[in-house]
C-alpha atoms as a PDB file:
ATOM      1  CA  MET A   1      84.118 -12.276  68.617  1.00  0.00           C
ATOM      2  CA  ASP A   2      84.729  -9.313  66.449  1.00  0.00           C
ATOM      3  CA  ASP A   3      84.905 -11.630  63.470  1.00  0.00           C
ATOM      4  CA  VAL A   4      81.707 -13.325  64.460  1.00  0.00           C
ATOM      5  CA  ILE A   5      80.007 -10.047  64.985  1.00  0.00           C
ATOM      6  CA  ALA A   6      81.500  -8.748  61.789  1.00  0.00           C
ATOM      7  CA  GLY A   7      80.247 -11.824  59.951  1.00  0.00           C
ATOM      8  CA  VAL A   8      76.806 -11.835  61.490  1.00  0.00           C
ATOM      9  CA  VAL A   9      75.869  -8.227  61.381  1.00  0.00           C
ATOM     10  CA  PRO A  10      76.415  -7.733  57.631  1.00  0.00           C
ATOM     11  CA  GLU A  11      74.404 -10.835  56.847  1.00  0.00           C
ATOM     12  CA  ALA A  12      71.632  -9.780  59.141  1.00  0.00           C
ATOM     13  CA  ALA A  13      71.717  -6.330  57.670  1.00  0.00           C
ATOM     14  CA  GLY A  14      71.425  -7.725  54.169  1.00  0.00           C
ATOM     15  CA  THR A  15      68.551  -9.897  55.167  1.00  0.00           C
ATOM     16  CA  ASP A  16      66.722  -6.993  56.693  1.00  0.00           C
ATOM     17  CA  ARG A  17      67.390  -4.908  53.636  1.00  0.00           C
ATOM     18  CA  ARG A  18      65.900  -7.557  51.342  1.00  0.00           C
ATOM     19  CA  ARG A  19      62.859  -7.831  53.567  1.00  0.00           C
ATOM     20  CA  ARG A  20      62.465  -4.128  53.562  1.00  0.00           C
ATOM     21  CA  ASN A  21      62.749  -4.131  49.769  1.00  0.00           C
ATOM     22  CA  ARG A  22      60.072  -6.826  49.497  1.00  0.00           C
ATOM     23  CA  ARG A  23      57.867  -4.901  51.840  1.00  0.00           C
ATOM     24  CA  PHE A  24      58.501  -1.814  49.761  1.00  0.00           C
ATOM     25  CA  VAL A  25      57.645  -3.616  46.519  1.00  0.00           C
ATOM     26  CA  VAL A  26      54.557  -5.147  48.054  1.00  0.00           C
ATOM     27  CA  GLY A  27      53.642  -1.797  49.462  1.00  0.00           C
ATOM     28  CA  LEU A  28      53.895  -0.285  46.016  1.00  0.00           C
ATOM     29  CA  GLY A  29      52.077  -3.248  44.304  1.00  0.00           C
ATOM     30  CA  TRP A  30      48.795  -3.110  46.203  1.00  0.00           C
ATOM     31  CA  PRO A  31      47.925   0.444  45.225  1.00  0.00           C
ATOM     32  CA  ALA A  32      48.815  -0.285  41.600  1.00  0.00           C
ATOM     33  CA  ALA A  33      46.744  -3.476  41.556  1.00  0.00           C
ATOM     34  CA  THR A  34      43.894  -1.684  43.230  1.00  0.00           C
ATOM     35  CA  ALA A  35      44.099   1.074  40.644  1.00  0.00           C
ATOM     36  CA  VAL A  36      44.099  -1.448  37.792  1.00  0.00           C
ATOM     37  CA  LEU A  37      41.205  -3.336  39.369  1.00  0.00           C
ATOM     38  CA  ALA A  38      39.303  -0.111  39.835  1.00  0.00           C
ATOM     39  CA  LEU A  39      39.983   0.772  36.204  1.00  0.00           C
ATOM     40  CA  LEU A  40      38.743  -2.615  35.011  1.00  0.00           C
ATOM     41  CA  VAL A  41      35.664  -2.474  37.198  1.00  0.00           C
ATOM     42  CA  GLY A  42      34.961   1.064  36.065  1.00  0.00           C
ATOM     43  CA  SER A  43      35.369   0.129  32.403  1.00  0.00           C
ATOM     44  CA  GLY A  44      33.184  -2.920  32.814  1.00  0.00           C
ATOM     45  CA  TRP A  45      30.483  -0.934  34.558  1.00  0.00           C
ATOM     46  CA  ALA A  46      30.661   1.764  31.918  1.00  0.00           C
ATOM     47  CA  TRP A  47      30.306  -0.889  29.205  1.00  0.00           C
ATOM     48  CA  PHE A  48      27.416  -2.512  31.023  1.00  0.00           C
ATOM     49  CA  THR A  49      25.607   0.760  31.589  1.00  0.00           C
ATOM     50  CA  ALA A  50      26.298   1.874  28.013  1.00  0.00           C
ATOM     51  CA  GLU A  51      24.901  -1.414  26.692  1.00  0.00           C
ATOM     52  CA  HIS A  52      21.886  -1.090  28.950  1.00  0.00           C
ATOM     53  CA  ASP A  53      21.340   2.533  27.950  1.00  0.00           C
ATOM     54  CA  ALA A  54      21.634   1.579  24.278  1.00  0.00           C
ATOM     55  CA  ARG A  55      18.997  -1.132  24.702  1.00  0.00           C
ATOM     56  CA  VAL A  56      16.677   1.235  26.551  1.00  0.00           C
ATOM     57  CA  SER A  57      17.256   3.937  23.929  1.00  0.00           C
ATOM     58  CA  SER A  58      16.635   1.439  21.124  1.00  0.00           C
ATOM     59  CA  ARG A  59      13.370   0.302  22.692  1.00  0.00           C
ATOM     60  CA  ALA A  60      12.334   3.924  23.137  1.00  0.00           C
ATOM     61  CA  ASP A  61      13.214   4.688  19.518  1.00  0.00           C
ATOM     62  CA  ASP A  62      11.239   1.628  18.365  1.00  0.00           C
ATOM     63  CA  LYS A  63       8.261   2.753  20.424  1.00  0.00           C
ATOM     64  CA  VAL A  64       8.398   6.241  18.947  1.00  0.00           C
ATOM     65  CA  ASP A  65       8.888   4.754  15.473  1.00  0.00           C
ATOM     66  CA  ARG A  66       5.688   2.721  15.875  1.00  0.00           C
ATOM     67  CA  GLU A  67       3.603   5.627  17.119  1.00  0.00           C
ATOM     68  CA  GLY A  68       0.995   6.966  14.723  1.00  0.00           C
ATOM     69  CA  PRO A  69      -0.027   5.435  11.375  1.00  0.00           C
ATOM     70  CA  ALA A  70       2.319   2.847   9.910  1.00  0.00           C
ATOM     71  CA  PHE A  71       2.025   4.455   6.476  1.00  0.00           C
ATOM     72  CA  SER A  72       0.264   7.238   4.619  1.00  0.00           C
ATOM     73  CA  ALA A  73      -1.902   6.843   1.517  1.00  0.00           C
ATOM     74  CA  SER A  74      -2.457   9.447  -1.172  1.00  0.00           C
ATOM     75  CA  VAL A  75      -5.610   8.573  -3.146  1.00  0.00           C
ATOM     76  CA  ARG A  76      -6.962  10.065  -6.364  1.00  0.00           C
ATOM     77  CA  PRO A  77      -9.517   8.824  -8.914  1.00  0.00           C
ATOM     78  CA  ASP A  78      -8.163   7.489 -12.184  1.00  0.00           C
ATOM     79  CA  THR A  79     -10.223   9.159 -14.917  1.00  0.00           C
ATOM     80  CA  GLU A  80      -7.687  10.408 -17.449  1.00  0.00           C
ATOM     81  CA  TYR A  81      -8.065   7.552 -19.926  1.00  0.00           C
ATOM     82  CA  ALA A  82     -11.606   6.446 -19.094  1.00  0.00           C
ATOM     83  CA  ASP A  83     -13.178   4.668 -22.064  1.00  0.00           C
ATOM     84  CA  ALA A  84     -16.870   5.112 -21.231  1.00  0.00           C
ATOM     85  CA  THR A  85     -19.199   7.589 -19.552  1.00  0.00           C
ATOM     86  CA  ILE A  86     -22.410   6.711 -17.722  1.00  0.00           C
ATOM     87  CA  PHE A  87     -25.440   8.929 -17.087  1.00  0.00           C
ATOM     88  CA  ASP A  88     -28.270   8.789 -14.564  1.00  0.00           C
ATOM     89  CA  SER A  89     -30.951   9.876 -17.053  1.00  0.00           C
ATOM     90  CA  PRO A  90     -31.675   8.910 -20.659  1.00  0.00           C
ATOM     91  CA  PHE A  91     -31.128  11.572 -23.299  1.00  0.00           C
ATOM     92  CA  SER A  92     -34.068  13.501 -24.618  1.00  0.00           C
ATOM     93  CA  ALA A  93     -34.985  13.282 -28.321  1.00  0.00           C
ATOM     94  CA  GLU A  94     -33.150  16.578 -28.904  1.00  0.00           C
ATOM     95  CA  ASP A  95     -30.031  15.451 -27.036  1.00  0.00           C
ATOM     96  CA  LYS A  96     -30.072  12.119 -28.836  1.00  0.00           C
ATOM     97  CA  ALA A  97     -30.300  13.835 -32.234  1.00  0.00           C
ATOM     98  CA  GLU A  98     -27.399  16.102 -31.250  1.00  0.00           C
ATOM     99  CA  LEU A  99     -25.322  13.139 -30.172  1.00  0.00           C
ATOM    100  CA  LEU A 100     -25.965  11.082 -33.306  1.00  0.00           C
ATOM    101  CA  GLY A 101     -25.138  14.080 -35.499  1.00  0.00           C
ATOM    102  CA  MET A 102     -21.679  14.679 -33.981  1.00  0.00           C
ATOM    103  CA  ARG A 103     -18.452  14.423 -35.963  1.00  0.00           C
ATOM    104  CA  ALA A 104     -15.161  13.113 -34.597  1.00  0.00           C
ATOM    105  CA  LYS A 105     -13.047  16.039 -35.808  1.00  0.00           C
ATOM    106  CA  ASP A 106     -14.849  18.448 -33.481  1.00  0.00           C
ATOM    107  CA  ASN A 107     -14.214  16.284 -30.366  1.00  0.00           C
ATOM    108  CA  PRO A 108     -17.580  17.305 -28.892  1.00  0.00           C
ATOM    109  CA  ILE A 109     -18.074  14.390 -26.486  1.00  0.00           C
ATOM    110  CA  PRO A 110     -16.267  15.761 -23.376  1.00  0.00           C
ATOM    111  CA  ALA A 111     -18.345  18.936 -23.309  1.00  0.00           C
ATOM    112  CA  PHE A 112     -21.552  16.958 -23.981  1.00  0.00           C
ATOM    113  CA  ALA A 113     -20.764  14.499 -21.170  1.00  0.00           C
ATOM    114  CA  GLU A 114     -19.954  17.281 -18.708  1.00  0.00           C
ATOM    115  CA  ALA A 115     -23.178  19.115 -19.529  1.00  0.00           C
ATOM    116  CA  HIS A 116     -25.147  15.959 -18.726  1.00  0.00           C
ATOM    117  CA  GLN A 117     -23.259  15.137 -15.502  1.00  0.00           C
ATOM    118  CA  GLY A 118     -21.606  12.078 -16.963  1.00  0.00           C
ATOM    119  CA  ARG A 119     -19.362   9.911 -14.803  1.00  0.00           C
ATOM    120  CA  PRO A 120     -16.202   8.453 -16.410  1.00  0.00           C
ATOM    121  CA  VAL A 121     -15.718   4.700 -16.045  1.00  0.00           C
ATOM    122  CA  PHE A 122     -13.575   1.940 -17.512  1.00  0.00           C
ATOM    123  CA  ILE A 123     -14.549  -1.102 -19.542  1.00  0.00           C
ATOM    124  CA  SER A 124     -13.048  -3.353 -16.934  1.00  0.00           C
ATOM    125  CA  ASP A 125     -11.419  -6.718 -16.418  1.00  0.00           C
ATOM    126  CA  ALA A 126     -14.813  -7.980 -15.245  1.00  0.00           C
ATOM    127  CA  THR A 127     -15.457  -9.417 -18.707  1.00  0.00           C
ATOM    128  CA  VAL A 128     -12.276 -11.552 -18.599  1.00  0.00           C
ATOM    129  CA  PRO A 129     -13.187 -15.169 -17.677  1.00  0.00           C
ATOM    130  CA  SER A 130     -10.206 -15.563 -15.360  1.00  0.00           C
ATOM    131  CA  MET A 131     -11.669 -12.901 -13.064  1.00  0.00           C
ATOM    132  CA  GLN A 132     -14.535 -15.315 -12.323  1.00  0.00           C
ATOM    133  CA  VAL A 133     -17.215 -12.599 -12.358  1.00  0.00           C
ATOM    134  CA  ALA A 134     -20.591 -14.327 -12.534  1.00  0.00           C
ATOM    135  CA  SER A 135     -22.494 -11.756 -14.633  1.00  0.00           C
ATOM    136  CA  PRO A 136     -20.220  -9.039 -16.034  1.00  0.00           C
ATOM    137  CA  ARG A 137     -22.985  -7.525 -18.164  1.00  0.00           C
ATOM    138  CA  TYR A 138     -21.493  -4.233 -19.367  1.00  0.00           C
ATOM    139  CA  GLY A 139     -18.384  -4.501 -17.210  1.00  0.00           C
ATOM    140  CA  TYR A 140     -18.075  -0.833 -16.266  1.00  0.00           C
ATOM    141  CA  ALA A 141     -15.755  -0.142 -13.331  1.00  0.00           C
ATOM    142  CA  GLU A 142     -14.120   2.740 -11.525  1.00  0.00           C
ATOM    143  CA  ALA A 143     -10.479   2.992 -10.475  1.00  0.00           C
ATOM    144  CA  TRP A 144      -8.254   4.801  -7.999  1.00  0.00           C
ATOM    145  CA  LEU A 145      -4.524   5.465  -7.959  1.00  0.00           C
ATOM    146  CA  VAL A 146      -3.031   4.962  -4.498  1.00  0.00           C
ATOM    147  CA  ASP A 147       0.483   6.005  -3.448  1.00  0.00           C
ATOM    148  CA  LEU A 148       1.686   4.380  -0.215  1.00  0.00           C
ATOM    149  CA  LEU A 149       4.584   5.740   1.841  1.00  0.00           C
ATOM    150  CA  SER A 150       6.033   4.906   5.264  1.00  0.00           C
ATOM    151  CA  ASP A 151       8.628   7.011   7.072  1.00  0.00           C
ATOM    152  CA  ARG A 152       9.248   4.314   9.655  1.00  0.00           C
ATOM    153  CA  LYS A 153      12.806   3.131  10.172  1.00  0.00           C
ATOM    154  CA  ALA A 154      11.595  -0.455  10.578  1.00  0.00           C
ATOM    155  CA  SER A 155      10.271  -2.485   7.650  1.00  0.00           C
ATOM    156  CA  LEU A 156       6.636  -3.498   7.230  1.00  0.00           C
ATOM    157  CA  VAL A 157       4.795  -5.528   4.606  1.00  0.00           C
ATOM    158  CA  ILE A 158       1.181  -5.114   3.431  1.00  0.00           C
ATOM    159  CA  ASN A 159      -0.065  -8.609   2.655  1.00  0.00           C
ATOM    160  CA  ASP A 160      -3.824  -8.160   2.326  1.00  0.00           C
ATOM    161  CA  LEU A 161      -6.431  -5.574   1.355  1.00  0.00           C
ATOM    162  CA  ARG A 162     -10.175  -5.864   1.939  1.00  0.00           C
ATOM    163  CA  VAL A 163     -13.255  -3.714   1.443  1.00  0.00           C
ATOM    164  CA  LYS A 164     -14.606  -2.522   4.795  1.00  0.00           C
ATOM    165  CA  GLY A 165     -18.163  -1.413   5.580  1.00  0.00           C
ATOM    166  CA  LEU A 166     -19.781  -2.114   2.201  1.00  0.00           C
ATOM    167  CA  THR A 167     -23.344  -1.006   1.382  1.00  0.00           C
ATOM    168  CA  CYS A 168     -24.991  -1.105  -2.078  1.00  0.00           C
ATOM    169  CA  THR A 169     -28.189   0.049  -3.769  1.00  0.00           C
ATOM    170  CA  PRO A 170     -29.541  -0.496  -7.310  1.00  0.00           C
ATOM    171  CA  ALA A 171     -27.525   1.446  -9.879  1.00  0.00           C
ATOM    172  CA  ARG A 172     -28.988   4.736 -11.049  1.00  0.00           C
ATOM    173  CA  ALA A 173     -27.121   5.029 -14.353  1.00  0.00           C
ATOM    174  CA  VAL A 174     -29.310   4.054 -17.324  1.00  0.00           C
ATOM    175  CA  ALA A 175     -27.397   5.524 -20.292  1.00  0.00           C
ATOM    176  CA  ALA A 176     -23.829   5.135 -21.494  1.00  0.00           C
ATOM    177  CA  ILE A 177     -21.433   6.331 -24.199  1.00  0.00           C
ATOM    178  CA  GLU A 178     -18.515   4.044 -25.019  1.00  0.00           C
ATOM    179  CA  GLU A 179     -15.515   4.484 -27.249  1.00  0.00           C
ATOM    180  CA  LYS A 180     -15.154   1.411 -29.421  1.00  0.00           C
ATOM    181  CA  GLY A 181     -11.692  -0.104 -29.191  1.00  0.00           C
ATOM    182  CA  GLN A 182     -10.519   2.298 -26.480  1.00  0.00           C
ATOM    183  CA  ALA A 183      -9.992  -0.524 -23.981  1.00  0.00           C
ATOM    184  CA  GLY A 184      -6.993  -2.008 -25.769  1.00  0.00           C
ATOM    185  CA  GLY A 185      -5.462  -3.696 -22.732  1.00  0.00           C
ATOM    186  CA  SER A 186      -5.582  -4.264 -19.026  1.00  0.00           C
ATOM    187  CA  TYR A 187      -3.907  -1.885 -16.583  1.00  0.00           C
ATOM    188  CA  GLU A 188      -1.464  -3.359 -14.090  1.00  0.00           C
ATOM    189  CA  GLY A 189      -2.853  -3.374 -10.553  1.00  0.00           C
ATOM    190  CA  MET A 190      -5.633  -5.128  -8.654  1.00  0.00           C
ATOM    191  CA  PHE A 191      -9.318  -5.780  -9.326  1.00  0.00           C
ATOM    192  CA  PHE A 192     -12.188  -6.024  -6.812  1.00  0.00           C
ATOM    193  CA  ASP A 193     -15.489  -7.643  -7.765  1.00  0.00           C
ATOM    194  CA  LEU A 194     -18.079  -6.373  -5.273  1.00  0.00           C
ATOM    195  CA  THR A 195     -20.898  -8.412  -6.794  1.00  0.00           C
ATOM    196  CA  GLY A 196     -19.813 -11.592  -4.988  1.00  0.00           C
ATOM    197  CA  SER A 197     -19.999 -12.597  -1.335  1.00  0.00           C
ATOM    198  CA  THR A 198     -16.253 -12.084  -0.821  1.00  0.00           C
ATOM    199  CA  ALA A 199     -14.188  -9.440  -2.547  1.00  0.00           C
ATOM    200  CA  VAL A 200     -10.699 -10.880  -2.964  1.00  0.00           C
ATOM    201  CA  PRO A 201      -8.400  -8.573  -4.953  1.00  0.00           C
ATOM    202  CA  ARG A 202      -7.086 -10.153  -8.144  1.00  0.00           C
ATOM    203  CA  ILE A 203      -4.099  -9.328 -10.325  1.00  0.00           C
ATOM    204  CA  THR A 204      -4.714  -7.234 -13.445  1.00  0.00           C
ATOM    205  CA  GLY A 205      -2.428  -6.505 -16.376  1.00  0.00           C
ATOM    206  CA  ASP A 206      -2.357  -8.492 -19.596  1.00  0.00           C
ATOM    207  CA  GLU A 207       1.364  -9.141 -19.275  1.00  0.00           C
ATOM    208  CA  GLU A 208       1.218 -10.334 -15.668  1.00  0.00           C
ATOM    209  CA  GLU A 209       2.166 -13.980 -15.220  1.00  0.00           C
ATOM    210  CA  HIS A 210      -0.600 -14.595 -12.683  1.00  0.00           C
ATOM    211  CA  TYR A 211      -3.280 -12.456 -14.316  1.00  0.00           C
ATOM    212  CA  GLY A 212      -6.654 -13.063 -12.657  1.00  0.00           C
ATOM    213  CA  GLU A 213      -5.244 -14.871  -9.613  1.00  0.00           C
ATOM    214  CA  PRO A 214      -5.529 -13.558  -6.024  1.00  0.00           C
ATOM    215  CA  TYR A 215      -3.211 -10.572  -5.717  1.00  0.00           C
ATOM    216  CA  PHE A 216      -1.572 -11.301  -2.379  1.00  0.00           C
ATOM    217  CA  THR A 217      -0.908 -14.921  -3.228  1.00  0.00           C
ATOM    218  CA  HIS A 218       1.872 -13.715  -5.506  1.00  0.00           C
ATOM    219  CA  LYS A 219       2.553 -10.107  -4.484  1.00  0.00           C
ATOM    220  CA  LYS A 220       3.150  -7.931  -1.433  1.00  0.00           C
ATOM    221  CA  ILE A 221       3.821  -4.268  -0.742  1.00  0.00           C
ATOM    222  CA  ASP A 222       7.070  -3.466   1.094  1.00  0.00           C
ATOM    223  CA  LEU A 223       7.243  -0.187   3.030  1.00  0.00           C
ATOM    224  CA  GLY A 224       9.450   1.442   5.662  1.00  0.00           C
ATOM    225  CA  ASN A 225      13.223   1.173   6.155  1.00  0.00           C
ATOM    226  CA  GLY A 226      13.825   3.549   3.263  1.00  0.00           C
ATOM    227  CA  ALA A 227      11.733   1.550   0.774  1.00  0.00           C
ATOM    228  CA  ALA A 228      10.448   3.457  -2.242  1.00  0.00           C
ATOM    229  CA  PRO A 229       6.778   4.516  -2.163  1.00  0.00           C
ATOM    230  CA  GLY A 230       4.397   1.844  -3.416  1.00  0.00           C
ATOM    231  CA  GLY A 231       2.094   2.796  -6.293  1.00  0.00           C
ATOM    232  CA  LEU A 232      -1.120   0.849  -6.774  1.00  0.00           C
ATOM    233  CA  ARG A 233      -4.071   1.024  -9.159  1.00  0.00           C
ATOM    234  CA  ILE A 234      -7.276  -0.367  -7.640  1.00  0.00           C
ATOM    235  CA  GLN A 235     -10.145  -1.165  -9.992  1.00  0.00           C
ATOM    236  CA  VAL A 236     -13.619  -1.803  -8.519  1.00  0.00           C
ATOM    237  CA  PHE A 237     -16.552  -3.449 -10.300  1.00  0.00           C
ATOM    238  CA  THR A 238     -20.020  -3.182  -8.757  1.00  0.00           C
ATOM    239  CA  GLY A 239     -22.164  -4.687 -11.548  1.00  0.00           C
ATOM    240  CA  THR A 240     -25.726  -3.385 -11.384  1.00  0.00           C
ATOM    241  CA  LYS A 241     -25.221  -1.698  -8.008  1.00  0.00           C
ATOM    242  CA  ASP A 242     -23.993   1.646  -6.725  1.00  0.00           C
ATOM    243  CA  CYS A 243     -21.752   0.907  -3.752  1.00  0.00           C
ATOM    244  CA  THR A 244     -20.187   2.789  -0.882  1.00  0.00           C
ATOM    245  CA  TRP A 245     -17.580   1.453   1.539  1.00  0.00           C
ATOM    246  CA  LYS A 246     -15.848   3.014   4.502  1.00  0.00           C
ATOM    247  CA  ALA A 247     -12.300   2.108   3.541  1.00  0.00           C
ATOM    248  CA  PHE A 248      -9.891  -0.444   2.177  1.00  0.00           C
ATOM    249  CA  GLU A 249      -8.598  -2.240   5.256  1.00  0.00           C
ATOM    250  CA  ALA A 250      -4.916  -3.052   4.819  1.00  0.00           C
ATOM    251  CA  THR A 251      -3.327  -5.869   6.806  1.00  0.00           C
ATOM    252  CA  TYR A 252       0.384  -5.410   7.433  1.00  0.00           C
ATOM    253  CA  VAL A 253       3.105  -7.255   9.318  1.00  0.00           C
ATOM    254  CA  ASP A 254       6.075  -5.760  11.159  1.00  0.00           C
ATOM    255  CA  SER A 255       8.488  -6.973  13.842  1.00  0.00           C
ATOM    256  CA  THR A 256       5.753  -6.849  16.502  1.00  0.00           C
ATOM    257  CA  GLY A 257       3.187  -8.930  14.615  1.00  0.00           C
ATOM    258  CA  GLN A 258       0.140  -8.392  12.405  1.00  0.00           C
ATOM    259  CA  HIS A 259      -1.889  -5.175  12.346  1.00  0.00           C
ATOM    260  CA  THR A 260      -4.519  -3.373  10.249  1.00  0.00           C
ATOM    261  CA  GLN A 261      -4.866   0.190   8.994  1.00  0.00           C
ATOM    262  CA  ASP A 262      -7.597   1.815   6.923  1.00  0.00           C
ATOM    263  CA  ILE A 263      -7.047   3.494   3.571  1.00  0.00           C
ATOM    264  CA  THR A 264      -9.768   6.075   2.915  1.00  0.00           C
ATOM    265  CA  ASP A 265     -10.498   8.399   0.029  1.00  0.00           C
ATOM    266  CA  ASN A 266      -8.618  11.258   1.721  1.00  0.00           C
ATOM    267  CA  GLY A 267     -10.717  10.913   4.865  1.00  0.00           C
ATOM    268  CA  ARG A 268     -13.962  10.113   3.042  1.00  0.00           C
ATOM    269  CA  PRO A 269     -15.668   6.829   2.095  1.00  0.00           C
ATOM    270  CA  PHE A 270     -15.271   5.396  -1.400  1.00  0.00           C
ATOM    271  CA  HIS A 271     -18.130   5.405  -3.923  1.00  0.00           C
ATOM    272  CA  ALA A 272     -18.354   3.358  -7.122  1.00  0.00           C
ATOM    273  CA  ARG A 273     -21.138   3.450  -9.684  1.00  0.00           C
ATOM    274  CA  GLY A 274     -22.606   0.513 -11.531  1.00  0.00           C
ATOM    275  CA  PHE A 275     -24.969   0.299 -14.514  1.00  0.00           C
ATOM    276  CA  ALA A 276     -28.685  -0.464 -14.261  1.00  0.00           C
ATOM    277  CA  ALA A 277     -29.876  -4.020 -14.818  1.00  0.00           C
ATOM    278  CA  GLN A 278     -32.348  -2.609 -17.355  1.00  0.00           C
ATOM    279  CA  PRO A 279     -30.490   0.219 -19.146  1.00  0.00           C
ATOM    280  CA  GLU A 280     -32.302   2.529 -21.536  1.00  0.00           C
ATOM    281  CA  GLN A 281     -29.644   3.861 -23.925  1.00  0.00           C
ATOM    282  CA  VAL A 282     -26.151   2.827 -24.975  1.00  0.00           C
ATOM    283  CA  PHE A 283     -24.078   4.568 -27.647  1.00  0.00           C
ATOM    284  CA  GLN A 284     -20.684   3.817 -29.143  1.00  0.00           C
ATOM    285  CA  LEU A 285     -18.047   6.081 -30.676  1.00  0.00           C
ATOM    286  CA  ARG A 286     -16.217   4.586 -33.644  1.00  0.00           C
ATOM    287  CA  SER A 287     -13.336   5.540 -35.874  1.00  0.00           C
ATOM    288  CA  TRP A 288     -15.127   4.239 -38.986  1.00  0.00           C
ATOM    289  CA  GLY A 289     -18.584   4.824 -40.408  1.00  0.00           C
ATOM    290  CA  PRO A 290     -20.838   7.087 -38.350  1.00  0.00           C
ATOM    291  CA  PHE A 291     -18.974   8.598 -35.411  1.00  0.00           C
ATOM    292  CA  VAL A 292     -21.809   7.808 -32.963  1.00  0.00           C
ATOM    293  CA  THR A 293     -23.904   4.626 -33.172  1.00  0.00           C
ATOM    294  CA  GLU A 294     -26.816   3.668 -30.934  1.00  0.00           C
ATOM    295  CA  CYS A 295     -26.699   0.084 -29.626  1.00  0.00           C
ATOM    296  CA  GLY A 296     -29.407  -2.191 -28.366  1.00  0.00           C
ATOM    297  CA  THR A 297     -29.534  -2.756 -24.628  1.00  0.00           C
ATOM    298  CA  ASP A 298     -30.367  -6.445 -24.640  1.00  0.00           C
ATOM    299  CA  THR A 299     -26.910  -7.708 -25.623  1.00  0.00           C
ATOM    300  CA  GLU A 300     -24.687  -9.388 -23.032  1.00  0.00           C
ATOM    301  CA  VAL A 301     -21.760  -7.104 -23.834  1.00  0.00           C
ATOM    302  CA  VAL A 302     -22.611  -3.824 -25.544  1.00  0.00           C
ATOM    303  CA  ARG A 303     -19.186  -3.445 -27.133  1.00  0.00           C
ATOM    304  CA  ASP A 304     -20.292  -6.102 -29.619  1.00  0.00           C
ATOM    305  CA  CYS A 305     -23.253  -4.046 -30.887  1.00  0.00           C
END
């Protein structure tokens, strides 16, 4: 009996010990597993909430980024190298005699033009057949230099520009002074002909591959996302009319779709002067022969006088 008891008790004791050990291990394992599970759940939730917060923050940033104007426009008239000056009144006999008696070495024209309220203009691309201007006549035009800048983080593209709110009246200017040969080439930029029913901007610049073709068929203006400011020269021909328009309406596209924004003359409307259908006086400055020559006013293009 003692042997039996001695043989049974140790075995039973060992069995109980192993069970206790398993219970001990299991007892230790559940808290550890729970801790790991809690850690994983916590990490997952933190990732989810961080992702959600990032999306919400991104949408908020995008909303703020799109608030206000999409771009700014700095506008100034281009007059530095104008090659003609137009006047609202013909010159008197005394003024005409003074003008015809001038000599090139004295450079008297700027002071004379200012004294008679002359307006500087350009001999424009209107006379180029590819511009498809029906009756260019004298072809005088005005021009503006426009600098476009966007501080938006997102990109945007200007893909159209139109004249908005146009009104015209017969041109008041009846006299002009041109500088023969001054218009040696075409400036790079865009050209608007306001004498037609639709004013589609066309490409200017003698060296441009698509000279005379619609501007936004071949070009666009990229802004935002750190893009460099866009510089643009806009030339406007009004023929025998004086015209005013509220703004250039720019169409642009960004990630939310298509939009429009006005470009004004620093908060004011634009004004461009034409030349009368029946002018009274036209003069040319030349580098040979007499410095000032009077031209007839019945020629199709006065530069050929």
